[in-house]
């Protein structure tokens, strides 16, 4: 199996299958920007180098999550050392749709299908998405990692524990603390920045998060 995965054809297929996972998770953990492509290439390079030692005791996706988290931590350390912060780039339409869906799931919404959403609701989702992206980057690294893996990537507690090398109960603790901290930051952010369009602050997603139901 390792030999098959290492072959040029099969490894290319593996990259195509998992590149969305890698780009999406790196963007959530480090913010958008040209650095994401470099980190993604490094992630797959590390995976390729590790394939000879891959024994199949974890899935490829779990292994990749572990690599992505390590790369994200390296990126955070580099930024702290240089005292520079990269501005997030506007997400693509596809990325916005994924983010909006994650926000609704994160906030506990039970909204109707996308076809039922008004332009005002779409604008509110975009504003909330921007706020969540910004506040995620302000969270402690481990809480950010757990939140992204659980809510966006829909990893199980067990999968996160394997990817991050943490005990199961520690994953639960970081998830609880991260949710609470993000909710508090979002409530504070919206309270300090009134919007001329009240639909943003009155949207179900925003109300749910600001009420601490995340």
N, C-alpha and C. Protein backbone atom coordinates (compact mmCIF):
# COMPACT_ATOMS: atom_id res chain seq x y z
N UNK A 1 0.83 -1.21 0.00
CA UNK A 1 0.00 0.00 0.00
C UNK A 1 0.86 1.25 0.00
N UNK A 2 1.93 1.24 0.80
CA UNK A 2 2.82 2.41 0.85
C UNK A 2 3.47 2.63 -0.52
N UNK A 3 3.85 1.52 -1.18
CA UNK A 3 4.47 1.65 -2.49
C UNK A 3 3.48 2.24 -3.48
N UNK A 4 2.21 1.82 -3.39
CA UNK A 4 1.18 2.34 -4.28
C UNK A 4 0.99 3.84 -4.06
N UNK A 5 0.92 4.26 -2.81
CA UNK A 5 0.73 5.66 -2.50
C UNK A 5 1.91 6.50 -2.96
N UNK A 6 3.08 5.93 -2.95
CA UNK A 6 4.28 6.67 -3.32
C UNK A 6 4.48 6.78 -4.82
N UNK A 7 3.75 5.99 -5.59
CA UNK A 7 3.91 6.06 -7.04
C UNK A 7 3.42 7.42 -7.53
N UNK A 8 4.03 7.95 -8.59
CA UNK A 8 3.64 9.29 -9.08
C UNK A 8 2.15 9.42 -9.35
N UNK A 9 1.56 8.41 -10.00
CA UNK A 9 0.16 8.49 -10.36
C UNK A 9 -0.73 8.50 -9.12
N UNK A 10 -0.46 7.59 -8.19
CA UNK A 10 -1.32 7.49 -7.01
C UNK A 10 -1.11 8.65 -6.04
N UNK A 11 0.13 9.14 -5.96
CA UNK A 11 0.34 10.27 -5.07
C UNK A 11 -0.33 11.53 -5.63
N UNK A 12 -0.32 11.67 -6.95
CA UNK A 12 -1.01 12.81 -7.57
C UNK A 12 -2.51 12.73 -7.29
N UNK A 13 -3.06 11.54 -7.34
CA UNK A 13 -4.48 11.35 -7.03
C UNK A 13 -4.75 11.67 -5.56
N UNK A 14 -3.82 11.27 -4.70
CA UNK A 14 -3.95 11.56 -3.27
C UNK A 14 -3.96 13.07 -3.02
N UNK A 15 -3.08 13.80 -3.73
CA UNK A 15 -3.03 15.25 -3.58
C UNK A 15 -4.34 15.87 -4.02
N UNK A 16 -4.85 15.43 -5.18
CA UNK A 16 -6.12 15.98 -5.68
C UNK A 16 -7.26 15.72 -4.69
N UNK A 17 -7.24 14.55 -4.08
CA UNK A 17 -8.31 14.19 -3.15
C UNK A 17 -8.28 15.01 -1.87
N UNK A 18 -7.09 15.38 -1.40
CA UNK A 18 -6.95 16.03 -0.10
C UNK A 18 -6.55 17.49 -0.16
N UNK A 19 -6.36 18.05 -1.36
CA UNK A 19 -5.87 19.42 -1.42
C UNK A 19 -6.88 20.42 -0.87
N UNK A 20 -8.18 20.15 -1.04
CA UNK A 20 -9.19 21.02 -0.47
C UNK A 20 -9.10 21.07 1.04
N UNK A 21 -8.93 19.91 1.65
CA UNK A 21 -8.77 19.80 3.10
C UNK A 21 -7.57 20.62 3.57
N UNK A 22 -6.46 20.49 2.88
CA UNK A 22 -5.23 21.15 3.30
C UNK A 22 -5.34 22.66 3.15
N UNK A 23 -5.78 23.14 1.99
CA UNK A 23 -5.89 24.58 1.77
C UNK A 23 -6.90 25.21 2.73
N UNK A 24 -8.04 24.54 2.90
CA UNK A 24 -9.11 25.06 3.76
C UNK A 24 -8.64 25.18 5.20
N UNK A 25 -7.99 24.15 5.69
CA UNK A 25 -7.58 24.15 7.09
C UNK A 25 -6.43 25.12 7.33
N UNK A 26 -5.49 25.19 6.43
CA UNK A 26 -4.39 26.15 6.57
C UNK A 26 -4.92 27.59 6.56
N UNK A 27 -5.89 27.87 5.70
CA UNK A 27 -6.45 29.22 5.64
C UNK A 27 -7.14 29.57 6.94
N UNK A 28 -7.89 28.63 7.50
CA UNK A 28 -8.58 28.89 8.76
C UNK A 28 -7.59 29.11 9.91
N UNK A 29 -6.51 28.38 9.88
CA UNK A 29 -5.58 28.43 11.01
C UNK A 29 -4.57 29.56 10.91
N UNK A 30 -4.26 29.99 9.69
CA UNK A 30 -3.21 31.01 9.54
C UNK A 30 -3.68 32.27 8.83
N UNK A 31 -4.93 32.29 8.37
CA UNK A 31 -5.41 33.42 7.60
C UNK A 31 -5.09 33.23 6.13
N UNK A 32 -5.86 33.92 5.28
CA UNK A 32 -5.64 33.80 3.85
C UNK A 32 -4.41 34.57 3.39
N UNK A 33 -3.85 34.19 2.27
CA UNK A 33 -2.70 34.88 1.73
C UNK A 33 -1.86 33.97 0.87
N UNK A 34 -0.89 34.51 0.18
CA UNK A 34 -0.04 33.70 -0.70
C UNK A 34 0.77 32.65 0.04
N UNK A 35 0.94 32.84 1.35
CA UNK A 35 1.71 31.87 2.13
C UNK A 35 1.02 30.51 2.19
N UNK A 36 -0.31 30.50 2.01
CA UNK A 36 -1.07 29.25 2.15
C UNK A 36 -0.62 28.23 1.09
N UNK A 37 -0.39 28.68 -0.12
CA UNK A 37 0.04 27.77 -1.18
C UNK A 37 1.40 27.17 -0.84
N UNK A 38 2.31 27.98 -0.32
CA UNK A 38 3.63 27.47 0.06
C UNK A 38 3.52 26.44 1.17
N UNK A 39 2.66 26.73 2.16
CA UNK A 39 2.48 25.79 3.27
C UNK A 39 1.83 24.51 2.79
N UNK A 40 0.89 24.62 1.85
CA UNK A 40 0.23 23.43 1.33
C UNK A 40 1.23 22.54 0.59
N UNK A 41 2.09 23.14 -0.21
CA UNK A 41 3.13 22.37 -0.90
C UNK A 41 4.04 21.67 0.09
N UNK A 42 4.39 22.38 1.16
CA UNK A 42 5.24 21.77 2.19
C UNK A 42 4.52 20.63 2.89
N UNK A 43 3.21 20.78 3.09
CA UNK A 43 2.43 19.73 3.75
C UNK A 43 2.47 18.44 2.93
N UNK A 44 2.27 18.54 1.63
CA UNK A 44 2.29 17.34 0.79
C UNK A 44 3.70 16.79 0.62
N UNK A 45 4.70 17.67 0.66
CA UNK A 45 6.08 17.20 0.60
C UNK A 45 6.40 16.38 1.85
N UNK A 46 5.97 16.88 3.01
CA UNK A 46 6.21 16.14 4.25
C UNK A 46 5.45 14.81 4.25
N UNK A 47 4.24 14.83 3.70
CA UNK A 47 3.47 13.59 3.62
C UNK A 47 4.19 12.58 2.75
N UNK A 48 4.68 13.02 1.60
CA UNK A 48 5.37 12.11 0.67
C UNK A 48 6.60 11.50 1.33
N UNK A 49 7.35 12.34 2.04
CA UNK A 49 8.55 11.84 2.71
C UNK A 49 8.21 10.86 3.82
N UNK A 50 7.02 11.02 4.41
CA UNK A 50 6.64 10.16 5.54
C UNK A 50 5.98 8.86 5.10
N UNK A 51 5.59 8.76 3.83
CA UNK A 51 4.87 7.58 3.38
C UNK A 51 5.60 6.26 3.63
N UNK A 52 6.93 6.20 3.50
CA UNK A 52 7.61 4.92 3.78
C UNK A 52 7.39 4.43 5.22
N UNK A 53 7.13 5.37 6.15
CA UNK A 53 6.92 4.98 7.54
C UNK A 53 5.44 4.93 7.91
N UNK A 54 4.57 5.19 6.94
CA UNK A 54 3.13 5.20 7.22
C UNK A 54 2.63 3.77 7.33
N UNK A 55 2.08 3.44 8.50
CA UNK A 55 1.69 2.06 8.76
C UNK A 55 0.18 1.84 8.69
N UNK A 56 -0.56 2.90 8.42
CA UNK A 56 -2.00 2.74 8.28
C UNK A 56 -2.75 2.69 9.60
N UNK A 57 -2.07 3.04 10.72
CA UNK A 57 -2.77 3.05 12.01
C UNK A 57 -3.62 4.31 12.17
N UNK A 58 -3.52 5.23 11.24
CA UNK A 58 -4.37 6.40 11.17
C UNK A 58 -4.67 6.67 9.70
N UNK A 59 -5.76 7.37 9.43
CA UNK A 59 -6.10 7.65 8.04
C UNK A 59 -5.15 8.70 7.48
N UNK A 60 -5.08 8.79 6.16
CA UNK A 60 -4.25 9.80 5.52
C UNK A 60 -4.70 11.19 5.93
N UNK A 61 -6.02 11.41 6.01
CA UNK A 61 -6.52 12.73 6.38
C UNK A 61 -6.09 13.11 7.78
N UNK A 62 -6.16 12.17 8.72
CA UNK A 62 -5.72 12.45 10.09
C UNK A 62 -4.23 12.78 10.12
N UNK A 63 -3.45 12.04 9.34
CA UNK A 63 -2.02 12.28 9.24
C UNK A 63 -1.75 13.67 8.68
N UNK A 64 -2.54 14.05 7.67
CA UNK A 64 -2.39 15.37 7.07
C UNK A 64 -2.77 16.47 8.04
N UNK A 65 -3.82 16.26 8.82
CA UNK A 65 -4.20 17.25 9.82
C UNK A 65 -3.04 17.51 10.78
N UNK A 66 -2.37 16.43 11.17
CA UNK A 66 -1.24 16.57 12.09
C UNK A 66 -0.13 17.41 11.44
N UNK A 67 0.14 17.14 10.17
CA UNK A 67 1.16 17.91 9.46
C UNK A 67 0.74 19.38 9.33
N UNK A 68 -0.53 19.61 8.99
CA UNK A 68 -1.03 20.97 8.82
C UNK A 68 -0.96 21.75 10.12
N UNK A 69 -1.32 21.12 11.23
CA UNK A 69 -1.24 21.79 12.52
C UNK A 69 0.20 22.15 12.85
N UNK A 70 1.13 21.24 12.60
CA UNK A 70 2.54 21.53 12.86
C UNK A 70 3.04 22.69 11.99
N UNK A 71 2.64 22.70 10.72
CA UNK A 71 3.03 23.80 9.84
C UNK A 71 2.42 25.12 10.30
N UNK A 72 1.17 25.07 10.76
CA UNK A 72 0.52 26.28 11.26
C UNK A 72 1.24 26.82 12.49
N UNK A 73 1.64 25.92 13.36
CA UNK A 73 2.38 26.34 14.55
C UNK A 73 3.71 26.99 14.17
N UNK A 74 4.38 26.42 13.19
CA UNK A 74 5.63 27.01 12.71
C UNK A 74 5.39 28.41 12.15
N UNK A 75 4.27 28.56 11.42
CA UNK A 75 3.93 29.86 10.84
C UNK A 75 3.64 30.89 11.94
N UNK A 76 2.90 30.46 12.97
CA UNK A 76 2.61 31.38 14.08
C UNK A 76 3.89 31.82 14.78
N UNK A 77 4.80 30.87 14.99
CA UNK A 77 6.07 31.21 15.64
C UNK A 77 6.88 32.18 14.78
N UNK A 78 6.87 31.95 13.46
CA UNK A 78 7.60 32.84 12.57
C UNK A 78 7.04 34.25 12.65
N UNK A 79 5.73 34.35 12.68
CA UNK A 79 5.11 35.67 12.74
C UNK A 79 5.42 36.37 14.05
N UNK A 80 5.37 35.62 15.13
CA UNK A 80 5.68 36.23 16.43
C UNK A 80 7.12 36.72 16.44
N UNK A 81 8.02 35.91 15.87
CA UNK A 81 9.43 36.27 15.87
C UNK A 81 9.66 37.53 15.05
N UNK A 82 9.04 37.63 13.91
CA UNK A 82 9.25 38.77 13.04
C UNK A 82 8.32 39.94 13.38
N UNK A 83 7.34 39.68 14.26
CA UNK A 83 6.37 40.70 14.65
C UNK A 83 5.65 41.29 13.45
N UNK A 84 5.30 40.40 12.52
CA UNK A 84 4.52 40.82 11.37
C UNK A 84 3.28 39.96 11.27
N UNK A 85 2.23 40.53 10.74
CA UNK A 85 0.98 39.81 10.58
C UNK A 85 0.50 39.97 9.15
N UNK A 86 0.12 38.85 8.55
CA UNK A 86 -0.33 38.87 7.16
C UNK A 86 -1.82 39.15 7.11
N UNK A 87 -2.21 40.08 6.26
CA UNK A 87 -3.62 40.41 6.12
C UNK A 87 -4.33 39.30 5.37
N UNK A 88 -5.54 38.98 5.80
CA UNK A 88 -6.31 37.93 5.13
C UNK A 88 -6.82 38.45 3.79
N UNK A 89 -6.79 37.59 2.80
CA UNK A 89 -7.30 37.94 1.49
C UNK A 89 -8.78 37.60 1.42
N UNK A 90 -9.53 38.31 0.57
CA UNK A 90 -10.94 37.96 0.40
C UNK A 90 -11.07 36.53 -0.08
N UNK A 91 -11.99 35.81 0.50
CA UNK A 91 -12.18 34.42 0.11
C UNK A 91 -12.90 34.34 -1.22
N UNK A 92 -12.70 33.23 -1.93
CA UNK A 92 -13.41 33.01 -3.17
C UNK A 92 -14.86 32.74 -2.87
N UNK A 93 -15.71 32.74 -3.91
CA UNK A 93 -17.12 32.47 -3.71
C UNK A 93 -17.32 31.10 -3.10
N UNK A 94 -16.55 30.13 -3.57
CA UNK A 94 -16.66 28.78 -3.03
C UNK A 94 -16.28 28.78 -1.57
N UNK A 95 -15.23 29.49 -1.21
CA UNK A 95 -14.81 29.55 0.17
C UNK A 95 -15.83 30.24 1.04
N UNK A 96 -16.51 31.28 0.50
CA UNK A 96 -17.53 31.98 1.26
C UNK A 96 -18.70 31.06 1.56
N UNK A 97 -19.08 30.25 0.57
CA UNK A 97 -20.19 29.35 0.78
C UNK A 97 -19.86 28.32 1.85
N UNK A 98 -18.61 27.80 1.80
CA UNK A 98 -18.18 26.83 2.82
C UNK A 98 -18.16 27.48 4.19
N UNK A 99 -17.64 28.72 4.26
CA UNK A 99 -17.54 29.40 5.54
C UNK A 99 -18.91 29.70 6.10
N UNK A 100 -19.84 30.16 5.24
CA UNK A 100 -21.19 30.47 5.71
C UNK A 100 -21.85 29.23 6.27
N UNK A 101 -21.66 28.09 5.58
CA UNK A 101 -22.25 26.85 6.07
C UNK A 101 -21.66 26.46 7.41
N UNK A 102 -20.34 26.65 7.57
CA UNK A 102 -19.70 26.32 8.84
C UNK A 102 -20.21 27.22 9.95
N UNK A 103 -20.35 28.53 9.65
CA UNK A 103 -20.83 29.48 10.65
C UNK A 103 -22.22 29.09 11.13
N UNK A 104 -23.09 28.72 10.19
CA UNK A 104 -24.45 28.35 10.57
C UNK A 104 -24.42 27.11 11.44
N UNK A 105 -23.60 26.14 11.09
CA UNK A 105 -23.49 24.94 11.89
C UNK A 105 -22.91 25.25 13.25
N UNK A 106 -21.91 26.11 13.26
CA UNK A 106 -21.24 26.49 14.51
C UNK A 106 -22.21 27.20 15.44
N UNK A 107 -23.08 28.06 14.87
CA UNK A 107 -24.00 28.84 15.67
C UNK A 107 -25.23 28.06 16.06
N UNK A 108 -25.43 26.90 15.47
CA UNK A 108 -26.59 26.09 15.82
C UNK A 108 -27.84 26.49 15.06
N UNK A 109 -27.72 27.13 13.90
CA UNK A 109 -28.88 27.55 13.14
C UNK A 109 -29.58 26.34 12.52
N UNK A 110 -30.88 26.46 12.37
CA UNK A 110 -31.67 25.48 11.64
C UNK A 110 -32.41 26.20 10.52
N UNK A 111 -31.66 26.95 9.72
CA UNK A 111 -32.26 27.75 8.68
C UNK A 111 -32.68 26.89 7.50
N UNK A 112 -33.56 27.44 6.68
CA UNK A 112 -33.99 26.74 5.48
C UNK A 112 -32.86 26.73 4.48
N UNK A 113 -33.11 26.16 3.33
CA UNK A 113 -32.07 26.04 2.31
C UNK A 113 -31.57 27.38 1.84
N UNK A 114 -30.44 27.35 1.13
CA UNK A 114 -29.80 28.58 0.67
C UNK A 114 -30.72 29.38 -0.23
N UNK A 115 -31.62 28.72 -0.97
CA UNK A 115 -32.50 29.43 -1.88
C UNK A 115 -33.46 30.35 -1.14
N UNK A 116 -33.69 30.10 0.17
CA UNK A 116 -34.64 30.90 0.94
C UNK A 116 -33.99 32.12 1.57
N UNK A 117 -32.70 32.27 1.44
CA UNK A 117 -31.99 33.35 2.10
C UNK A 117 -32.10 34.65 1.31
N UNK A 118 -32.32 35.76 2.03
CA UNK A 118 -32.46 37.06 1.40
C UNK A 118 -31.09 37.69 1.19
N UNK A 119 -31.00 38.74 0.34
CA UNK A 119 -29.71 39.44 0.19
C UNK A 119 -29.20 39.98 1.51
N UNK A 120 -30.11 40.45 2.37
CA UNK A 120 -29.69 40.96 3.68
C UNK A 120 -29.07 39.86 4.52
N UNK A 121 -29.65 38.66 4.47
CA UNK A 121 -29.09 37.55 5.23
C UNK A 121 -27.72 37.14 4.70
N UNK A 122 -27.57 37.18 3.37
CA UNK A 122 -26.27 36.85 2.78
C UNK A 122 -25.21 37.85 3.21
N UNK A 123 -25.59 39.15 3.26
CA UNK A 123 -24.65 40.17 3.71
C UNK A 123 -24.30 39.95 5.17
N UNK A 124 -25.29 39.60 5.98
CA UNK A 124 -25.02 39.35 7.39
C UNK A 124 -24.07 38.18 7.56
N UNK A 125 -24.25 37.13 6.76
CA UNK A 125 -23.36 35.98 6.83
C UNK A 125 -21.93 36.38 6.47
N UNK A 126 -21.78 37.23 5.44
CA UNK A 126 -20.45 37.65 5.03
C UNK A 126 -19.78 38.46 6.12
N UNK A 127 -20.54 39.33 6.80
CA UNK A 127 -19.98 40.13 7.89
C UNK A 127 -19.59 39.24 9.07
N UNK A 128 -20.46 38.29 9.37
CA UNK A 128 -20.16 37.38 10.47
C UNK A 128 -18.97 36.50 10.14
N UNK A 129 -18.89 36.05 8.89
CA UNK A 129 -17.75 35.23 8.46
C UNK A 129 -16.45 35.99 8.67
N UNK A 130 -16.43 37.26 8.27
CA UNK A 130 -15.23 38.08 8.43
C UNK A 130 -14.86 38.22 9.89
N UNK A 131 -15.88 38.40 10.74
CA UNK A 131 -15.63 38.55 12.18
C UNK A 131 -15.08 37.26 12.77
N UNK A 132 -15.68 36.13 12.39
CA UNK A 132 -15.21 34.83 12.91
C UNK A 132 -13.78 34.57 12.47
N UNK A 133 -13.48 34.85 11.19
CA UNK A 133 -12.12 34.64 10.69
C UNK A 133 -11.11 35.45 11.50
N UNK A 134 -11.46 36.71 11.76
CA UNK A 134 -10.54 37.58 12.50
C UNK A 134 -10.36 37.12 13.94
N UNK A 135 -11.46 36.77 14.59
CA UNK A 135 -11.37 36.39 16.00
C UNK A 135 -10.76 35.01 16.18
N UNK A 136 -10.91 34.12 15.21
CA UNK A 136 -10.23 32.83 15.27
C UNK A 136 -8.72 33.00 15.38
N UNK A 137 -8.20 33.94 14.59
CA UNK A 137 -6.76 34.17 14.58
C UNK A 137 -6.26 34.76 15.89
N UNK A 138 -7.18 35.29 16.72
CA UNK A 138 -6.79 35.88 18.00
C UNK A 138 -6.85 34.87 19.13
N UNK A 139 -7.38 33.67 18.87
CA UNK A 139 -7.49 32.66 19.91
C UNK A 139 -6.14 31.99 20.17
N UNK A 140 -5.98 31.40 21.34
CA UNK A 140 -4.79 30.57 21.57
C UNK A 140 -4.69 29.49 20.51
N UNK A 141 -3.48 29.14 20.13
CA UNK A 141 -3.26 28.24 19.01
C UNK A 141 -4.00 26.91 19.14
N UNK A 142 -3.96 26.31 20.31
CA UNK A 142 -4.55 24.99 20.47
C UNK A 142 -6.06 25.06 20.38
N UNK A 143 -6.66 26.12 20.92
CA UNK A 143 -8.12 26.27 20.84
C UNK A 143 -8.55 26.49 19.40
N UNK A 144 -7.79 27.29 18.67
CA UNK A 144 -8.09 27.53 17.26
C UNK A 144 -8.03 26.21 16.49
N UNK A 145 -7.01 25.43 16.74
CA UNK A 145 -6.86 24.16 16.03
C UNK A 145 -8.03 23.24 16.28
N UNK A 146 -8.42 23.11 17.55
CA UNK A 146 -9.52 22.22 17.89
C UNK A 146 -10.83 22.69 17.28
N UNK A 147 -11.09 24.00 17.34
CA UNK A 147 -12.32 24.55 16.77
C UNK A 147 -12.39 24.29 15.27
N UNK A 148 -11.31 24.56 14.57
CA UNK A 148 -11.30 24.37 13.12
C UNK A 148 -11.49 22.91 12.76
N UNK A 149 -10.77 22.03 13.43
CA UNK A 149 -10.87 20.60 13.11
C UNK A 149 -12.25 20.06 13.43
N UNK A 150 -12.85 20.52 14.52
CA UNK A 150 -14.15 19.98 14.93
C UNK A 150 -15.29 20.58 14.11
N UNK A 151 -15.35 21.91 14.01
CA UNK A 151 -16.50 22.55 13.38
C UNK A 151 -16.40 22.62 11.87
N UNK A 152 -15.21 22.88 11.34
CA UNK A 152 -15.10 22.99 9.89
C UNK A 152 -14.84 21.64 9.24
N UNK A 153 -13.86 20.92 9.78
CA UNK A 153 -13.48 19.64 9.18
C UNK A 153 -14.32 18.48 9.67
N UNK A 154 -15.16 18.74 10.69
CA UNK A 154 -16.07 17.72 11.23
C UNK A 154 -15.33 16.47 11.70
N UNK A 155 -14.16 16.70 12.28
CA UNK A 155 -13.40 15.59 12.87
C UNK A 155 -14.06 15.17 14.17
N UNK A 156 -13.97 13.92 14.49
CA UNK A 156 -14.46 13.43 15.77
C UNK A 156 -13.48 13.82 16.88
N UNK A 157 -13.92 13.71 18.13
CA UNK A 157 -13.02 13.96 19.25
C UNK A 157 -11.80 13.05 19.15
N UNK A 158 -12.07 11.79 18.79
CA UNK A 158 -10.97 10.83 18.71
C UNK A 158 -9.99 11.21 17.60
N UNK A 159 -10.54 11.64 16.44
CA UNK A 159 -9.67 12.04 15.34
C UNK A 159 -8.81 13.25 15.68
N UNK A 160 -9.41 14.21 16.39
CA UNK A 160 -8.65 15.39 16.81
C UNK A 160 -7.57 15.00 17.79
N UNK A 161 -7.91 14.11 18.71
CA UNK A 161 -6.93 13.66 19.71
C UNK A 161 -5.72 13.03 19.02
N UNK A 162 -5.97 12.22 17.99
CA UNK A 162 -4.87 11.58 17.27
C UNK A 162 -4.06 12.62 16.50
N UNK A 163 -4.76 13.54 15.81
CA UNK A 163 -4.08 14.54 14.99
C UNK A 163 -3.22 15.47 15.81
N UNK A 164 -3.70 15.84 17.00
CA UNK A 164 -2.98 16.80 17.83
C UNK A 164 -2.13 16.15 18.91
N UNK A 165 -2.27 14.83 19.05
CA UNK A 165 -1.50 14.14 20.08
C UNK A 165 -1.92 14.52 21.48
N UNK A 166 -3.25 14.66 21.69
CA UNK A 166 -3.78 15.08 22.98
C UNK A 166 -4.71 14.02 23.55
N UNK A 167 -4.84 13.96 24.87
CA UNK A 167 -5.84 13.08 25.46
C UNK A 167 -7.24 13.54 25.07
N UNK A 168 -8.18 12.60 25.04
CA UNK A 168 -9.54 12.90 24.60
C UNK A 168 -10.18 13.99 25.46
N UNK A 169 -10.04 13.89 26.77
CA UNK A 169 -10.65 14.88 27.65
C UNK A 169 -10.04 16.26 27.46
N UNK A 170 -8.76 16.31 27.09
CA UNK A 170 -8.12 17.60 26.84
C UNK A 170 -8.70 18.24 25.59
N UNK A 171 -9.00 17.43 24.58
CA UNK A 171 -9.65 17.95 23.37
C UNK A 171 -11.00 18.56 23.73
N UNK A 172 -11.78 17.86 24.53
CA UNK A 172 -13.09 18.38 24.95
C UNK A 172 -12.94 19.69 25.70
N UNK A 173 -11.95 19.77 26.57
CA UNK A 173 -11.73 20.99 27.36
C UNK A 173 -11.37 22.16 26.45
N UNK A 174 -10.45 21.95 25.51
CA UNK A 174 -10.06 23.03 24.60
C UNK A 174 -11.22 23.45 23.70
N UNK A 175 -12.04 22.48 23.30
CA UNK A 175 -13.19 22.82 22.46
C UNK A 175 -14.17 23.70 23.23
N UNK A 176 -14.44 23.32 24.48
CA UNK A 176 -15.36 24.11 25.32
C UNK A 176 -14.80 25.51 25.56
N UNK A 177 -13.54 25.60 25.91
CA UNK A 177 -12.93 26.90 26.18
C UNK A 177 -12.87 27.76 24.91
N UNK A 178 -12.54 27.11 23.78
CA UNK A 178 -12.46 27.85 22.53
C UNK A 178 -13.80 28.41 22.11
N UNK A 179 -14.86 27.60 22.24
CA UNK A 179 -16.20 28.08 21.92
C UNK A 179 -16.57 29.28 22.79
N UNK A 180 -16.31 29.15 24.08
CA UNK A 180 -16.66 30.23 25.00
C UNK A 180 -15.88 31.49 24.69
N UNK A 181 -14.58 31.33 24.47
CA UNK A 181 -13.73 32.50 24.21
C UNK A 181 -14.13 33.18 22.89
N UNK A 182 -14.40 32.38 21.84
CA UNK A 182 -14.79 32.95 20.56
C UNK A 182 -16.13 33.67 20.67
N UNK A 183 -17.06 33.05 21.40
CA UNK A 183 -18.37 33.68 21.60
C UNK A 183 -18.22 35.03 22.30
N UNK A 184 -17.39 35.06 23.34
CA UNK A 184 -17.18 36.31 24.08
C UNK A 184 -16.54 37.38 23.20
N UNK A 185 -15.58 36.99 22.39
CA UNK A 185 -14.90 37.95 21.52
C UNK A 185 -15.85 38.49 20.46
N UNK A 186 -16.71 37.62 19.92
CA UNK A 186 -17.65 38.07 18.91
C UNK A 186 -18.70 39.00 19.51
N UNK A 187 -19.20 38.68 20.70
CA UNK A 187 -20.16 39.57 21.35
C UNK A 187 -19.54 40.94 21.60
N UNK A 188 -18.30 40.94 22.08
CA UNK A 188 -17.61 42.20 22.34
C UNK A 188 -17.38 42.97 21.05
N UNK A 189 -17.02 42.24 19.98
CA UNK A 189 -16.74 42.89 18.70
C UNK A 189 -17.98 43.57 18.15
N UNK A 190 -19.12 42.88 18.18
CA UNK A 190 -20.33 43.45 17.63
C UNK A 190 -20.91 44.55 18.52
N UNK A 191 -20.69 44.43 19.81
CA UNK A 191 -21.17 45.47 20.71
C UNK A 191 -20.38 46.77 20.51
N UNK A 192 -19.10 46.64 20.18
CA UNK A 192 -18.23 47.81 20.02
C UNK A 192 -18.30 48.41 18.62
N UNK A 193 -18.87 47.65 17.67
CA UNK A 193 -18.92 48.12 16.29
C UNK A 193 -20.35 48.04 15.77
N UNK A 194 -21.19 49.03 16.12
CA UNK A 194 -22.57 49.01 15.64
C UNK A 194 -22.61 49.12 14.12
N UNK A 195 -23.54 48.39 13.53
CA UNK A 195 -23.66 48.39 12.08
C UNK A 195 -24.87 49.21 11.67
N UNK A 196 -24.75 49.99 10.60
CA UNK A 196 -25.90 50.72 10.12
C UNK A 196 -27.01 49.79 9.64
N UNK A 197 -26.66 48.62 9.18
CA UNK A 197 -27.64 47.63 8.76
C UNK A 197 -27.93 46.70 9.92
N UNK A 198 -29.07 46.89 10.59
CA UNK A 198 -29.37 46.13 11.80
C UNK A 198 -29.59 44.66 11.52
N UNK A 199 -29.82 44.29 10.27
CA UNK A 199 -30.04 42.88 9.97
C UNK A 199 -28.84 42.04 10.30
N UNK A 200 -27.63 42.67 10.29
CA UNK A 200 -26.41 41.92 10.61
C UNK A 200 -26.43 41.45 12.04
N UNK A 201 -26.71 42.38 12.98
CA UNK A 201 -26.69 42.01 14.38
C UNK A 201 -27.92 41.22 14.77
N UNK A 202 -28.99 41.25 13.94
CA UNK A 202 -30.21 40.53 14.27
C UNK A 202 -30.33 39.20 13.56
N UNK A 203 -29.33 38.82 12.77
CA UNK A 203 -29.40 37.55 12.07
C UNK A 203 -29.35 36.42 13.08
N UNK A 204 -30.00 35.26 12.76
CA UNK A 204 -29.98 34.12 13.69
C UNK A 204 -28.58 33.68 14.06
N UNK A 205 -27.65 33.69 13.06
CA UNK A 205 -26.29 33.25 13.35
C UNK A 205 -25.63 34.14 14.38
N UNK A 206 -25.76 35.47 14.19
CA UNK A 206 -25.12 36.40 15.11
C UNK A 206 -25.73 36.32 16.49
N UNK A 207 -27.06 36.24 16.56
CA UNK A 207 -27.72 36.17 17.86
C UNK A 207 -27.27 34.92 18.61
N UNK A 208 -27.18 33.81 17.91
CA UNK A 208 -26.81 32.55 18.56
C UNK A 208 -25.42 32.61 19.15
N UNK A 209 -24.45 33.15 18.37
CA UNK A 209 -23.08 33.22 18.85
C UNK A 209 -22.96 34.22 19.98
N UNK A 210 -23.58 35.40 19.82
CA UNK A 210 -23.47 36.43 20.83
C UNK A 210 -24.17 36.03 22.12
N UNK A 211 -25.12 35.08 22.02
CA UNK A 211 -25.79 34.59 23.21
C UNK A 211 -25.01 33.47 23.87
N UNK A 212 -23.89 33.08 23.27
CA UNK A 212 -23.06 32.04 23.84
C UNK A 212 -23.53 30.64 23.56
N UNK A 213 -24.29 30.45 22.49
CA UNK A 213 -24.82 29.12 22.17
C UNK A 213 -23.92 28.35 21.24
N UNK A 214 -22.76 28.97 20.88
CA UNK A 214 -21.85 28.28 19.95
C UNK A 214 -21.30 27.03 20.57
